[in-house]
Amino acid sequence: MGLQQQLDEQKKSTINKATPEIIQTMGQATADLKASGIENRALGSGEPIPDFTLPNAEGKEVRLSTLLSQGPVVLSIYRGGWCPYCNLEIRALKAVLPEIQSLGANLIAIAPELPAKVKETEERHTPGFEILSDVGNRISRQLGLVFSLPESIRSIYVGFGIDLPACNGDETFELPLPATFVIRENGTIAYRFIDADYTRRMEPMEIIQTLKSL
């Protein structure tokens, strides 16, 4: 089963457990976000990715340009370990990591969570690739991915048991759009996948095909 099929199954499960009011509110929030044009304002193919340094779960600093000196980089931006869709994506990326590495590329993921939360995600999934802590969405903001969660959704998340301030270490309720960037060794974007609908992600095999085409 492909990643998007798994995500669709997760979406069905969520809908079956939610009230019609919650379903309508969440659907409207996604539609409003898409209508805002945020997808088009984010960095696109051919543009340079700003270099960055972020800590991993152990506090070790990881620099993008260092990884690019070794080959292409696949950069996955996700919302957090509390998000079931993000967890499905991490597992799917873990499954294709050997093939990504065989093509001479590195894979890294970043989330706006505190390092301790990133560490929990690593311990749960043991992905084999670096997950970095982007507290304050500093890097995702440079990529054009950050938005503020509407008040109507914040209360729904609380009802789901999701405490974003505790996960991210601030009260902003800001999140990045989930995104995947395939970055050439010269630091420019070869391909990007961005969707305001957080239940949609880039298929891992599309990542492989993009790397093969570089």
N, C-alpha and C. Protein backbone atom coordinates (compact mmCIF):
# COMPACT_ATOMS: atom_id res chain seq x y z
N MET A 1 0.84 -1.20 0.00
CA MET A 1 0.00 0.00 0.00
C MET A 1 0.88 1.25 0.00
N GLY A 2 0.59 2.18 -0.91
CA GLY A 2 1.35 3.40 -0.99
C GLY A 2 1.08 4.32 0.19
N LEU A 3 1.95 5.32 0.35
CA LEU A 3 1.78 6.24 1.47
C LEU A 3 0.44 6.96 1.42
N GLN A 4 0.06 7.47 0.25
CA GLN A 4 -1.19 8.23 0.19
C GLN A 4 -2.40 7.35 0.51
N GLN A 5 -2.34 6.09 0.15
CA GLN A 5 -3.42 5.17 0.52
C GLN A 5 -3.50 5.03 2.04
N GLN A 6 -2.36 4.94 2.69
CA GLN A 6 -2.33 4.86 4.15
C GLN A 6 -2.88 6.14 4.78
N LEU A 7 -2.52 7.27 4.20
CA LEU A 7 -3.01 8.55 4.71
C LEU A 7 -4.52 8.67 4.54
N ASP A 8 -5.02 8.19 3.42
CA ASP A 8 -6.46 8.23 3.18
C ASP A 8 -7.20 7.34 4.18
N GLU A 9 -6.62 6.20 4.50
CA GLU A 9 -7.22 5.31 5.50
C GLU A 9 -7.25 5.99 6.87
N GLN A 10 -6.17 6.68 7.20
CA GLN A 10 -6.12 7.41 8.47
C GLN A 10 -7.18 8.51 8.49
N LYS A 11 -7.36 9.19 7.37
CA LYS A 11 -8.35 10.24 7.28
C LYS A 11 -9.76 9.69 7.49
N LYS A 12 -10.04 8.56 6.89
CA LYS A 12 -11.34 7.92 7.06
C LYS A 12 -11.58 7.57 8.53
N SER A 13 -10.54 7.05 9.18
CA SER A 13 -10.65 6.68 10.59
C SER A 13 -10.94 7.90 11.45
N THR A 14 -10.26 9.00 11.15
CA THR A 14 -10.47 10.24 11.90
C THR A 14 -11.88 10.76 11.71
N ILE A 15 -12.35 10.74 10.47
CA ILE A 15 -13.71 11.22 10.17
C ILE A 15 -14.76 10.38 10.89
N ASN A 16 -14.53 9.07 10.94
CA ASN A 16 -15.50 8.18 11.58
C ASN A 16 -15.62 8.44 13.08
N LYS A 17 -14.57 9.01 13.67
CA LYS A 17 -14.57 9.26 15.11
C LYS A 17 -15.00 10.68 15.47
N ALA A 18 -15.10 11.55 14.48
CA ALA A 18 -15.37 12.97 14.73
C ALA A 18 -16.84 13.30 14.49
N THR A 19 -17.28 14.37 15.12
CA THR A 19 -18.65 14.85 14.90
C THR A 19 -18.72 15.58 13.56
N PRO A 20 -19.93 15.71 12.99
CA PRO A 20 -20.07 16.47 11.74
C PRO A 20 -19.57 17.90 11.87
N GLU A 21 -19.75 18.50 13.04
CA GLU A 21 -19.30 19.88 13.26
C GLU A 21 -17.78 19.98 13.18
N ILE A 22 -17.10 19.02 13.79
CA ILE A 22 -15.63 19.02 13.75
C ILE A 22 -15.14 18.79 12.33
N ILE A 23 -15.76 17.87 11.63
CA ILE A 23 -15.37 17.59 10.24
C ILE A 23 -15.52 18.82 9.38
N GLN A 24 -16.65 19.53 9.56
CA GLN A 24 -16.91 20.73 8.77
C GLN A 24 -15.89 21.83 9.09
N THR A 25 -15.61 22.01 10.39
CA THR A 25 -14.68 23.06 10.82
C THR A 25 -13.27 22.79 10.29
N MET A 26 -12.82 21.56 10.38
CA MET A 26 -11.47 21.22 9.92
C MET A 26 -11.38 21.33 8.40
N GLY A 27 -12.43 20.90 7.71
CA GLY A 27 -12.43 21.02 6.26
C GLY A 27 -12.39 22.47 5.79
N GLN A 28 -13.14 23.32 6.50
CA GLN A 28 -13.15 24.74 6.14
C GLN A 28 -11.80 25.38 6.40
N ALA A 29 -11.15 25.00 7.50
CA ALA A 29 -9.84 25.55 7.82
C ALA A 29 -8.82 25.19 6.73
N THR A 30 -8.88 23.96 6.25
CA THR A 30 -7.98 23.54 5.17
C THR A 30 -8.26 24.31 3.89
N ALA A 31 -9.54 24.49 3.58
CA ALA A 31 -9.91 25.23 2.38
C ALA A 31 -9.45 26.68 2.47
N ASP A 32 -9.61 27.28 3.64
CA ASP A 32 -9.18 28.67 3.83
C ASP A 32 -7.67 28.80 3.68
N LEU A 33 -6.94 27.83 4.23
CA LEU A 33 -5.49 27.87 4.14
C LEU A 33 -5.04 27.76 2.69
N LYS A 34 -5.67 26.86 1.94
CA LYS A 34 -5.32 26.70 0.53
C LYS A 34 -5.64 27.98 -0.24
N ALA A 35 -6.78 28.60 0.08
CA ALA A 35 -7.20 29.82 -0.62
C ALA A 35 -6.29 31.00 -0.30
N SER A 36 -5.54 30.91 0.80
CA SER A 36 -4.66 32.02 1.20
C SER A 36 -3.48 32.19 0.25
N GLY A 37 -3.19 31.16 -0.55
CA GLY A 37 -2.09 31.23 -1.50
C GLY A 37 -0.74 30.88 -0.91
N ILE A 38 -0.73 30.32 0.29
CA ILE A 38 0.54 30.00 0.95
C ILE A 38 1.38 29.02 0.15
N GLU A 39 0.73 28.11 -0.55
CA GLU A 39 1.49 27.13 -1.34
C GLU A 39 2.33 27.84 -2.41
N ASN A 40 1.76 28.86 -3.02
CA ASN A 40 2.45 29.57 -4.10
C ASN A 40 3.53 30.51 -3.58
N ARG A 41 3.42 30.92 -2.33
CA ARG A 41 4.41 31.84 -1.77
C ARG A 41 5.65 31.11 -1.25
N ALA A 42 5.55 29.81 -1.06
CA ALA A 42 6.69 29.03 -0.58
C ALA A 42 7.76 28.92 -1.66
N LEU A 43 8.99 28.63 -1.24
CA LEU A 43 10.08 28.48 -2.20
C LEU A 43 9.76 27.38 -3.20
N GLY A 44 10.16 27.60 -4.46
CA GLY A 44 9.83 26.66 -5.52
C GLY A 44 11.04 26.12 -6.24
N SER A 45 10.79 25.30 -7.23
CA SER A 45 11.86 24.66 -8.00
C SER A 45 12.78 25.71 -8.62
N GLY A 46 14.08 25.43 -8.54
CA GLY A 46 15.09 26.33 -9.09
C GLY A 46 15.60 27.37 -8.12
N GLU A 47 14.87 27.59 -7.03
CA GLU A 47 15.29 28.60 -6.05
C GLU A 47 16.28 27.98 -5.06
N PRO A 48 17.16 28.80 -4.51
CA PRO A 48 18.12 28.29 -3.52
C PRO A 48 17.48 28.12 -2.15
N ILE A 49 17.85 27.05 -1.47
CA ILE A 49 17.43 26.83 -0.09
C ILE A 49 18.41 27.57 0.84
N PRO A 50 17.92 28.39 1.75
CA PRO A 50 18.85 29.04 2.70
C PRO A 50 19.58 27.98 3.53
N ASP A 51 20.88 28.16 3.68
CA ASP A 51 21.63 27.23 4.52
C ASP A 51 21.15 27.38 5.96
N PHE A 52 21.20 26.28 6.70
CA PHE A 52 20.77 26.34 8.09
C PHE A 52 21.51 25.31 8.93
N THR A 53 21.49 25.56 10.22
CA THR A 53 22.03 24.63 11.20
C THR A 53 20.98 24.45 12.28
N LEU A 54 20.62 23.19 12.56
CA LEU A 54 19.62 22.88 13.58
C LEU A 54 20.11 21.72 14.44
N PRO A 55 19.66 21.66 15.69
CA PRO A 55 20.06 20.55 16.55
C PRO A 55 19.22 19.30 16.30
N ASN A 56 19.87 18.14 16.44
CA ASN A 56 19.12 16.89 16.38
C ASN A 56 18.63 16.53 17.78
N ALA A 57 18.10 15.33 17.92
CA ALA A 57 17.51 14.92 19.20
C ALA A 57 18.52 14.88 20.33
N GLU A 58 19.80 14.73 19.99
CA GLU A 58 20.85 14.67 21.00
C GLU A 58 21.50 16.02 21.24
N GLY A 59 21.03 17.04 20.54
CA GLY A 59 21.61 18.37 20.70
C GLY A 59 22.77 18.65 19.76
N LYS A 60 23.14 17.70 18.92
CA LYS A 60 24.23 17.90 17.97
C LYS A 60 23.73 18.76 16.82
N GLU A 61 24.55 19.76 16.46
CA GLU A 61 24.18 20.66 15.37
C GLU A 61 24.42 19.99 14.02
N VAL A 62 23.42 20.07 13.14
CA VAL A 62 23.52 19.51 11.80
C VAL A 62 23.36 20.64 10.80
N ARG A 63 24.30 20.76 9.87
CA ARG A 63 24.30 21.87 8.91
C ARG A 63 23.94 21.35 7.51
N LEU A 64 23.02 22.03 6.87
CA LEU A 64 22.58 21.60 5.54
C LEU A 64 23.72 21.60 4.54
N SER A 65 24.53 22.65 4.52
CA SER A 65 25.59 22.74 3.52
C SER A 65 26.61 21.62 3.67
N THR A 66 26.80 21.13 4.89
CA THR A 66 27.71 20.00 5.10
C THR A 66 27.16 18.75 4.42
N LEU A 67 25.86 18.54 4.56
CA LEU A 67 25.23 17.39 3.92
C LEU A 67 25.25 17.53 2.40
N LEU A 68 25.05 18.75 1.90
CA LEU A 68 25.04 18.97 0.46
C LEU A 68 26.43 18.75 -0.15
N SER A 69 27.47 18.90 0.65
CA SER A 69 28.82 18.63 0.15
C SER A 69 29.03 17.15 -0.12
N GLN A 70 28.11 16.33 0.41
CA GLN A 70 28.19 14.87 0.24
C GLN A 70 27.29 14.37 -0.89
N GLY A 71 26.33 15.21 -1.32
CA GLY A 71 25.39 14.80 -2.35
C GLY A 71 24.05 15.50 -2.17
N PRO A 72 23.04 15.13 -2.96
CA PRO A 72 21.72 15.75 -2.84
C PRO A 72 21.12 15.48 -1.46
N VAL A 73 20.16 16.32 -1.08
CA VAL A 73 19.49 16.17 0.20
C VAL A 73 17.98 16.17 -0.01
N VAL A 74 17.32 15.22 0.64
CA VAL A 74 15.86 15.21 0.70
C VAL A 74 15.48 15.79 2.05
N LEU A 75 14.73 16.89 2.02
CA LEU A 75 14.33 17.59 3.24
C LEU A 75 12.83 17.43 3.43
N SER A 76 12.45 16.78 4.53
CA SER A 76 11.03 16.58 4.85
C SER A 76 10.65 17.50 6.01
N ILE A 77 9.62 18.31 5.81
CA ILE A 77 9.10 19.18 6.87
C ILE A 77 7.81 18.55 7.38
N TYR A 78 7.73 18.30 8.68
CA TYR A 78 6.49 17.74 9.21
C TYR A 78 6.02 18.50 10.44
N ARG A 79 4.77 18.28 10.82
CA ARG A 79 4.13 19.10 11.86
C ARG A 79 4.54 18.71 13.27
N GLY A 80 4.74 17.43 13.51
CA GLY A 80 5.13 16.99 14.83
C GLY A 80 4.79 15.54 15.08
N GLY A 81 5.39 14.97 16.11
CA GLY A 81 5.16 13.57 16.43
C GLY A 81 3.75 13.28 16.91
N TRP A 82 2.98 14.32 17.22
CA TRP A 82 1.59 14.16 17.65
C TRP A 82 0.66 13.92 16.46
N CYS A 83 1.15 14.16 15.25
CA CYS A 83 0.32 14.09 14.03
C CYS A 83 0.40 12.68 13.44
N PRO A 84 -0.72 11.95 13.38
CA PRO A 84 -0.68 10.58 12.84
C PRO A 84 -0.27 10.52 11.37
N TYR A 85 -0.59 11.55 10.62
CA TYR A 85 -0.22 11.58 9.20
C TYR A 85 1.30 11.73 9.06
N CYS A 86 1.88 12.55 9.93
CA CYS A 86 3.33 12.73 9.92
C CYS A 86 4.04 11.43 10.32
N ASN A 87 3.48 10.72 11.27
CA ASN A 87 4.09 9.46 11.69
C ASN A 87 4.05 8.42 10.58
N LEU A 88 2.97 8.41 9.82
CA LEU A 88 2.90 7.50 8.66
C LEU A 88 3.96 7.87 7.63
N GLU A 89 4.16 9.17 7.44
CA GLU A 89 5.17 9.61 6.47
C GLU A 89 6.57 9.22 6.92
N ILE A 90 6.86 9.39 8.20
CA ILE A 90 8.19 9.03 8.71
C ILE A 90 8.46 7.55 8.49
N ARG A 91 7.46 6.72 8.77
CA ARG A 91 7.63 5.28 8.56
C ARG A 91 7.85 4.95 7.09
N ALA A 92 7.13 5.65 6.22
CA ALA A 92 7.28 5.41 4.78
C ALA A 92 8.66 5.84 4.30
N LEU A 93 9.16 6.95 4.83
CA LEU A 93 10.51 7.41 4.46
C LEU A 93 11.57 6.45 4.97
N LYS A 94 11.36 5.93 6.16
CA LYS A 94 12.30 4.96 6.72
C LYS A 94 12.42 3.74 5.80
N ALA A 95 11.31 3.33 5.22
CA ALA A 95 11.31 2.15 4.36
C ALA A 95 12.14 2.34 3.09
N VAL A 96 12.21 3.59 2.60
CA VAL A 96 12.96 3.82 1.35
C VAL A 96 14.33 4.45 1.61
N LEU A 97 14.69 4.62 2.87
CA LEU A 97 15.99 5.24 3.19
C LEU A 97 17.16 4.53 2.52
N PRO A 98 17.22 3.19 2.55
CA PRO A 98 18.37 2.54 1.89
C PRO A 98 18.48 2.90 0.41
N GLU A 99 17.35 3.02 -0.27
CA GLU A 99 17.39 3.37 -1.70
C GLU A 99 17.83 4.82 -1.89
N ILE A 100 17.36 5.71 -1.03
CA ILE A 100 17.78 7.11 -1.08
C ILE A 100 19.29 7.20 -0.89
N GLN A 101 19.80 6.47 0.08
CA GLN A 101 21.24 6.50 0.35
C GLN A 101 22.04 5.87 -0.79
N SER A 102 21.47 4.85 -1.42
CA SER A 102 22.17 4.20 -2.53
C SER A 102 22.32 5.13 -3.72
N LEU A 103 21.49 6.16 -3.77
CA LEU A 103 21.57 7.15 -4.84
C LEU A 103 22.46 8.32 -4.46
N GLY A 104 23.16 8.18 -3.33
CA GLY A 104 24.13 9.19 -2.90
C GLY A 104 23.53 10.38 -2.18
N ALA A 105 22.27 10.25 -1.75
CA ALA A 105 21.58 11.37 -1.11
C ALA A 105 21.45 11.17 0.39
N ASN A 106 21.29 12.26 1.10
CA ASN A 106 20.96 12.24 2.52
C ASN A 106 19.49 12.62 2.70
N LEU A 107 18.89 12.10 3.76
CA LEU A 107 17.51 12.43 4.11
C LEU A 107 17.50 13.03 5.51
N ILE A 108 16.86 14.19 5.66
CA ILE A 108 16.68 14.78 6.98
C ILE A 108 15.23 15.27 7.10
N ALA A 109 14.75 15.34 8.32
CA ALA A 109 13.41 15.86 8.58
C ALA A 109 13.51 16.93 9.65
N ILE A 110 12.63 17.92 9.59
CA ILE A 110 12.59 18.93 10.64
C ILE A 110 11.15 19.17 11.07
N ALA A 111 11.00 19.49 12.35
CA ALA A 111 9.69 19.78 12.93
C ALA A 111 9.86 20.92 13.93
N PRO A 112 8.80 21.67 14.22
CA PRO A 112 8.92 22.81 15.14
C PRO A 112 8.90 22.42 16.60
N GLU A 113 9.09 21.16 16.90
CA GLU A 113 8.99 20.68 18.28
C GLU A 113 10.30 20.88 19.06
N LEU A 114 10.16 20.88 20.36
CA LEU A 114 11.32 20.92 21.25
C LEU A 114 12.17 19.66 21.05
N PRO A 115 13.49 19.75 21.30
CA PRO A 115 14.35 18.58 21.12
C PRO A 115 13.87 17.34 21.86
N ALA A 116 13.30 17.50 23.05
CA ALA A 116 12.83 16.34 23.80
C ALA A 116 11.70 15.62 23.07
N LYS A 117 10.85 16.39 22.38
CA LYS A 117 9.75 15.79 21.62
C LYS A 117 10.28 15.11 20.36
N VAL A 118 11.28 15.74 19.74
CA VAL A 118 11.92 15.12 18.59
C VAL A 118 12.55 13.79 18.99
N LYS A 119 13.16 13.77 20.16
CA LYS A 119 13.78 12.54 20.66
C LYS A 119 12.73 11.45 20.85
N GLU A 120 11.55 11.82 21.35
CA GLU A 120 10.47 10.84 21.50
C GLU A 120 10.09 10.24 20.15
N THR A 121 10.02 11.08 19.13
CA THR A 121 9.70 10.59 17.79
C THR A 121 10.77 9.64 17.28
N GLU A 122 12.03 9.99 17.49
CA GLU A 122 13.13 9.12 17.06
C GLU A 122 13.09 7.78 17.78
N GLU A 123 12.83 7.81 19.08
CA GLU A 123 12.80 6.57 19.85
C GLU A 123 11.63 5.69 19.42
N ARG A 124 10.53 6.31 19.03
CA ARG A 124 9.36 5.56 18.61
C ARG A 124 9.53 4.92 17.24
N HIS A 125 10.21 5.63 16.33
CA HIS A 125 10.30 5.16 14.94
C HIS A 125 11.67 4.62 14.55
N THR A 126 12.74 4.99 15.29
CA THR A 126 14.12 4.68 14.90
C THR A 126 14.29 4.80 13.38
N PRO A 127 14.10 5.99 12.84
CA PRO A 127 14.05 6.15 11.38
C PRO A 127 15.36 5.92 10.66
N GLY A 128 16.50 6.13 11.35
CA GLY A 128 17.78 5.96 10.67
C GLY A 128 18.26 7.22 9.99
N PHE A 129 17.45 8.26 9.99
CA PHE A 129 17.88 9.55 9.45
C PHE A 129 17.66 10.63 10.52
N GLU A 130 18.34 11.76 10.33
CA GLU A 130 18.29 12.83 11.31
C GLU A 130 16.92 13.51 11.33
N ILE A 131 16.39 13.71 12.54
CA ILE A 131 15.22 14.56 12.73
C ILE A 131 15.69 15.75 13.55
N LEU A 132 15.46 16.96 13.03
CA LEU A 132 15.99 18.17 13.63
C LEU A 132 14.89 19.03 14.24
N SER A 133 15.27 19.75 15.28
CA SER A 133 14.33 20.59 16.02
C SER A 133 14.39 22.03 15.50
N ASP A 134 13.30 22.49 14.93
CA ASP A 134 13.21 23.84 14.38
C ASP A 134 12.28 24.68 15.26
N VAL A 135 12.69 24.88 16.51
CA VAL A 135 11.87 25.62 17.47
C VAL A 135 11.62 27.04 16.96
N GLY A 136 10.36 27.45 17.03
CA GLY A 136 9.99 28.76 16.51
C GLY A 136 9.78 28.79 15.01
N ASN A 137 9.89 27.62 14.35
CA ASN A 137 9.69 27.52 12.90
C ASN A 137 10.64 28.45 12.14
N ARG A 138 11.84 28.63 12.66
CA ARG A 138 12.78 29.56 12.04
C ARG A 138 13.09 29.20 10.60
N ILE A 139 13.36 27.92 10.34
CA ILE A 139 13.71 27.51 8.98
C ILE A 139 12.46 27.40 8.11
N SER A 140 11.41 26.80 8.65
CA SER A 140 10.18 26.68 7.87
C SER A 140 9.64 28.05 7.46
N ARG A 141 9.89 29.07 8.30
CA ARG A 141 9.45 30.43 7.95
C ARG A 141 10.23 30.94 6.74
N GLN A 142 11.53 30.65 6.71
CA GLN A 142 12.34 31.07 5.56
C GLN A 142 11.88 30.37 4.28
N LEU A 143 11.34 29.19 4.43
CA LEU A 143 10.86 28.43 3.27
C LEU A 143 9.46 28.87 2.85
N GLY A 144 8.81 29.70 3.66
CA GLY A 144 7.48 30.20 3.31
C GLY A 144 6.34 29.27 3.69
N LEU A 145 6.56 28.43 4.71
CA LEU A 145 5.59 27.38 5.02
C LEU A 145 4.75 27.63 6.27
N VAL A 146 5.01 28.68 7.00
CA VAL A 146 4.42 28.82 8.34
C VAL A 146 3.08 29.56 8.31
N PHE A 147 2.15 29.04 9.09
CA PHE A 147 0.84 29.68 9.26
C PHE A 147 0.42 29.51 10.72
N SER A 148 -0.56 30.29 11.12
CA SER A 148 -1.07 30.22 12.49
C SER A 148 -2.36 29.41 12.51
N LEU A 149 -2.43 28.43 13.38
CA LEU A 149 -3.60 27.57 13.48
C LEU A 149 -4.81 28.40 13.92
N PRO A 150 -5.93 28.35 13.20
CA PRO A 150 -7.11 29.14 13.58
C PRO A 150 -7.62 28.78 14.98
N GLU A 151 -8.23 29.74 15.62
CA GLU A 151 -8.80 29.51 16.95
C GLU A 151 -9.78 28.35 16.94
N SER A 152 -10.56 28.22 15.87
CA SER A 152 -11.56 27.16 15.79
C SER A 152 -10.94 25.77 15.81
N ILE A 153 -9.70 25.66 15.33
CA ILE A 153 -9.02 24.37 15.29
C ILE A 153 -8.26 24.10 16.58
N ARG A 154 -7.82 25.15 17.25
CA ARG A 154 -7.06 24.97 18.49
C ARG A 154 -7.87 24.20 19.53
N SER A 155 -9.13 24.55 19.68
CA SER A 155 -9.97 23.87 20.67
C SER A 155 -10.21 22.42 20.27
N ILE A 156 -10.29 22.16 18.97
CA ILE A 156 -10.46 20.78 18.49
C ILE A 156 -9.23 19.96 18.83
N TYR A 157 -8.06 20.54 18.61
CA TYR A 157 -6.82 19.83 18.93
C TYR A 157 -6.73 19.53 20.42
N VAL A 158 -7.13 20.49 21.24
CA VAL A 158 -7.13 20.25 22.68
C VAL A 158 -8.04 19.06 23.01
N GLY A 159 -9.19 19.01 22.34
CA GLY A 159 -10.11 17.88 22.54
C GLY A 159 -9.51 16.56 22.11
N PHE A 160 -8.60 16.60 21.13
CA PHE A 160 -7.90 15.40 20.67
C PHE A 160 -6.73 15.04 21.59
N GLY A 161 -6.48 15.88 22.58
CA GLY A 161 -5.35 15.64 23.49
C GLY A 161 -4.03 16.14 22.96
N ILE A 162 -4.07 17.06 21.99
CA ILE A 162 -2.85 17.62 21.41
C ILE A 162 -2.55 18.95 22.07
N ASP A 163 -1.41 19.04 22.74
CA ASP A 163 -0.99 20.25 23.43
C ASP A 163 0.17 20.88 22.67
N LEU A 164 -0.14 21.71 21.68
CA LEU A 164 0.90 22.30 20.84
C LEU A 164 1.88 23.17 21.63
N PRO A 165 1.41 24.03 22.55
CA PRO A 165 2.39 24.81 23.33
C PRO A 165 3.41 23.94 24.05
N ALA A 166 2.96 22.82 24.60
CA ALA A 166 3.88 21.92 25.30
C ALA A 166 4.85 21.26 24.33
N CYS A 167 4.39 20.94 23.13
CA CYS A 167 5.25 20.29 22.14
C CYS A 167 6.27 21.26 21.54
N ASN A 168 5.82 22.49 21.29
CA ASN A 168 6.65 23.44 20.55
C ASN A 168 7.34 24.47 21.44
N GLY A 169 6.94 24.55 22.70
CA GLY A 169 7.61 25.46 23.61
C GLY A 169 7.24 26.91 23.46
N ASP A 170 6.08 27.18 22.81
CA ASP A 170 5.61 28.57 22.72
C ASP A 170 4.08 28.57 22.61
N GLU A 171 3.50 29.76 22.64
CA GLU A 171 2.05 29.92 22.62
C GLU A 171 1.55 30.44 21.27
N THR A 172 2.35 30.32 20.23
CA THR A 172 2.00 30.93 18.95
C THR A 172 0.98 30.11 18.16
N PHE A 173 0.94 28.81 18.39
CA PHE A 173 0.10 27.90 17.61
C PHE A 173 0.44 27.98 16.12
N GLU A 174 1.72 28.23 15.84
CA GLU A 174 2.18 28.24 14.46
C GLU A 174 2.65 26.85 14.05
N LEU A 175 2.35 26.48 12.82
CA LEU A 175 2.77 25.20 12.26
C LEU A 175 3.29 25.41 10.85
N PRO A 176 4.13 24.51 10.37
CA PRO A 176 4.52 24.55 8.96
C PRO A 176 3.58 23.68 8.12
N LEU A 177 3.40 24.05 6.88
CA LEU A 177 2.78 23.11 5.96
C LEU A 177 3.73 21.92 5.81
N PRO A 178 3.22 20.71 5.84
CA PRO A 178 4.09 19.57 5.52
C PRO A 178 4.63 19.74 4.10
N ALA A 179 5.89 19.45 3.92
CA ALA A 179 6.51 19.66 2.61
C ALA A 179 7.70 18.74 2.42
N THR A 180 8.02 18.47 1.17
CA THR A 180 9.23 17.71 0.83
C THR A 180 9.99 18.48 -0.23
N PHE A 181 11.27 18.68 0.00
CA PHE A 181 12.15 19.34 -0.97
C PHE A 181 13.27 18.38 -1.35
N VAL A 182 13.48 18.21 -2.63
CA VAL A 182 14.67 17.50 -3.12
C VAL A 182 15.64 18.58 -3.56
N ILE A 183 16.81 18.61 -2.92
CA ILE A 183 17.76 19.72 -3.09
C ILE A 183 19.01 19.22 -3.81
N ARG A 184 19.38 19.92 -4.87
CA ARG A 184 20.62 19.59 -5.59
C ARG A 184 21.84 19.95 -4.74
N GLU A 185 22.99 19.40 -5.12
CA GLU A 185 24.23 19.65 -4.38
C GLU A 185 24.60 21.13 -4.37
N ASN A 186 24.13 21.91 -5.36
CA ASN A 186 24.44 23.34 -5.39
C ASN A 186 23.48 24.15 -4.52
N GLY A 187 22.57 23.46 -3.82
CA GLY A 187 21.68 24.13 -2.90
C GLY A 187 20.37 24.62 -3.50
N THR A 188 20.13 24.35 -4.78
CA THR A 188 18.87 24.76 -5.39
C THR A 188 17.84 23.64 -5.33
N ILE A 189 16.59 24.01 -5.36
CA ILE A 189 15.50 23.04 -5.26
C ILE A 189 15.27 22.37 -6.61
N ALA A 190 15.41 21.06 -6.64
CA ALA A 190 15.13 20.31 -7.86
C ALA A 190 13.65 20.00 -7.99
N TYR A 191 13.01 19.79 -6.84
CA TYR A 191 11.58 19.47 -6.84
C TYR A 191 11.04 19.76 -5.43
N ARG A 192 9.78 20.17 -5.38
CA ARG A 192 9.15 20.37 -4.08
C ARG A 192 7.73 19.82 -4.12
N PHE A 193 7.27 19.33 -2.98
CA PHE A 193 5.88 18.92 -2.83
C PHE A 193 5.33 19.67 -1.62
N ILE A 194 4.32 20.50 -1.85
CA ILE A 194 3.69 21.28 -0.78
C ILE A 194 2.19 21.24 -1.00
N ASP A 195 1.45 20.94 0.05
CA ASP A 195 -0.01 20.93 -0.05
C ASP A 195 -0.59 21.46 1.26
N ALA A 196 -1.50 22.41 1.16
CA ALA A 196 -2.14 22.96 2.35
C ALA A 196 -3.01 21.93 3.06
N ASP A 197 -3.34 20.86 2.36
CA ASP A 197 -4.07 19.75 2.96
C ASP A 197 -3.04 18.82 3.61
N TYR A 198 -2.97 18.85 4.94
CA TYR A 198 -1.93 18.09 5.65
C TYR A 198 -2.10 16.57 5.53
N THR A 199 -3.20 16.12 4.95
CA THR A 199 -3.38 14.68 4.78
C THR A 199 -2.78 14.19 3.46
N ARG A 200 -2.12 15.08 2.73
CA ARG A 200 -1.49 14.72 1.46
C ARG A 200 0.01 14.92 1.56
N ARG A 201 0.78 13.92 1.13
CA ARG A 201 2.24 13.96 1.20
C ARG A 201 2.84 13.40 -0.09
N MET A 202 4.10 13.68 -0.31
CA MET A 202 4.79 13.17 -1.49
C MET A 202 5.05 11.68 -1.32
N GLU A 203 4.75 10.92 -2.36
CA GLU A 203 5.01 9.49 -2.33
C GLU A 203 6.52 9.24 -2.31
N PRO A 204 7.00 8.37 -1.45
CA PRO A 204 8.43 8.07 -1.40
C PRO A 204 9.02 7.65 -2.74
N MET A 205 8.26 6.91 -3.53
CA MET A 205 8.81 6.48 -4.82
C MET A 205 8.98 7.65 -5.78
N GLU A 206 8.20 8.72 -5.58
CA GLU A 206 8.40 9.92 -6.39
C GLU A 206 9.71 10.60 -5.99
N ILE A 207 10.06 10.51 -4.71
CA ILE A 207 11.35 11.04 -4.26
C ILE A 207 12.48 10.29 -4.95
N ILE A 208 12.35 8.97 -4.99
CA ILE A 208 13.38 8.13 -5.63
C ILE A 208 13.52 8.49 -7.10
N GLN A 209 12.39 8.63 -7.81
CA GLN A 209 12.43 8.96 -9.23
C GLN A 209 13.07 10.33 -9.46
N THR A 210 12.79 11.30 -8.57
CA THR A 210 13.38 12.62 -8.71
C THR A 210 14.89 12.55 -8.51
N LEU A 211 15.35 11.80 -7.52
CA LEU A 211 16.79 11.65 -7.30
C LEU A 211 17.46 11.00 -8.50
N LYS A 212 16.81 10.03 -9.08
CA LYS A 212 17.38 9.35 -10.24
C LYS A 212 17.52 10.28 -11.44
N SER A 213 16.66 11.30 -11.49
CA SER A 213 16.68 12.21 -12.63
C SER A 213 17.71 13.34 -12.51
N LEU A 214 18.32 13.47 -11.34
CA LEU A 214 19.30 14.56 -11.12
C LEU A 214 20.59 14.31 -11.90
